[in-house]
Amino acid sequence: MKQVHVDDLIGNEILAQPVVSDAEVILIQSGTVLKQEYIEKIKELNMDFVYIREAGDQWGERQRDEGSSNSQSVEKENHIYKIEETKKDTEKIVQKVFERHIYKHNQELKAVGEAANRILDTVLEEPEVVNSITEIRNISTDMYTHCINVCTLSTIMALRLRMSEKQVHNIAVGAMLHDIGLRYIQVSYINRDDDDMSEKEKLEYKKHTIYGYSSIQDEDWLSDTSKEIILLHHERMDGSGFPFSQKGDKIRTEVKLVSICDEFDSLISGIGNKKLKIYEAIEYMKVHAGDIFDSNIAAKLLESIAVYPVGMKVITSDGERGVVLRQNRDVTDRPVLRMTHYADGREYEKHVEKNLMKYLTVFIVDTE
């Protein structure tokens, strides 16, 4: 592996490390053969250097031996995901509309609904986004990016669950608007959960679902299902949620789906929750699947999300350090690692990969 200036790329080089956006989302996978259009895209991202594989890396052989049988083919990996660009463009629209939104003055809210449709269209254009392991990173966020993240994840999950076209559309729009009620409360909710709030603050925070619903309830362009998502996305299967303490048999499937995606993104981004690492959030979802979350939807989410996303730095049970290179399709917590440091702190001088599906006594114990 070697570092190469972007201006020195000529084409047909193979990426040794993924190209990642400012939001830490993978745009071009490691192992991708660089075409000219990809090089132009990297330049547009204002990147100076990339890491490419050298002849001695024997990439093709390792790809066959250590992951190709359980992961995407090379052809599917050679792809620039448009969904990240769509999300970035959508964020500007959502923030502008939400910041200008006045209670029950909703002339501009249709633009947010249209933004949700653009995310849906982009996902539909990229079936590999639906069929592959979803790479999510926990970064600092705000209410606007949280709504976009929940919309994207909910849309992908609805398609994975083979819901109808109408259901998917209602989910996308409802998820995009689900937290609009946060605009009307005065309680700080970033990186805070119930334990950090006074009783008065808890009551005020829980009003955001009512405020959000009442601000859009008369909009005839919004379906009843989308409105219910806004009102009920904090309800839970066992009746422990709010605002009405409804139980699972009273909650629509679409609402259950968005509530799970909302909770997961809230945990890793710190919206109304203490921020957790991804693997901690996944463990939380596992523990509560079947009691507060719908077990079928939770299971589909858990089998779809990478516990350790590509590019993440990890520490193994034997004290070594490495970086996640790629996923094993059927086992999302045992990826392929590129080792960087021995247990005694010495750096690996050569490119060494460990497929945790082969090193079964080695586990990831923490992330950096």
Foldseek 3Di string as FASTA:
>chain_A
DDKDFLVPDDWQFFFQAFDAAPQRAGFAAGRAGGDPVNSVVVVVSVDTITHTDDPVVPVVVCCVVFAPVQFPDRVLRNGGQCLVVLLVVLLVLQVVCLVPDDQLPCPSVVVLLVSLVVSLVSCVVRVCCLVFFHEDFQDADDPSSLLSQLLNVLLSLCVNVVHDPVLSSLLSNLSSQQQSLVSPADADQFQDAPVRDDPVSVVRVLCSLVSSLNSCVPPPVHDPSSSCLNNPLQAFQQQPGDDGSDHDVVDDPSSLSSSVSSQLNCQCHRGRHRHDGLLVSLVVLVVCDPRGHPNVSSVSNSQRHQSAGAQWWFAKPQQWIWGFRAQRNRDRQFGKTFTAADNVGDGDPDGDIDGCVVVVVMGTDGTD
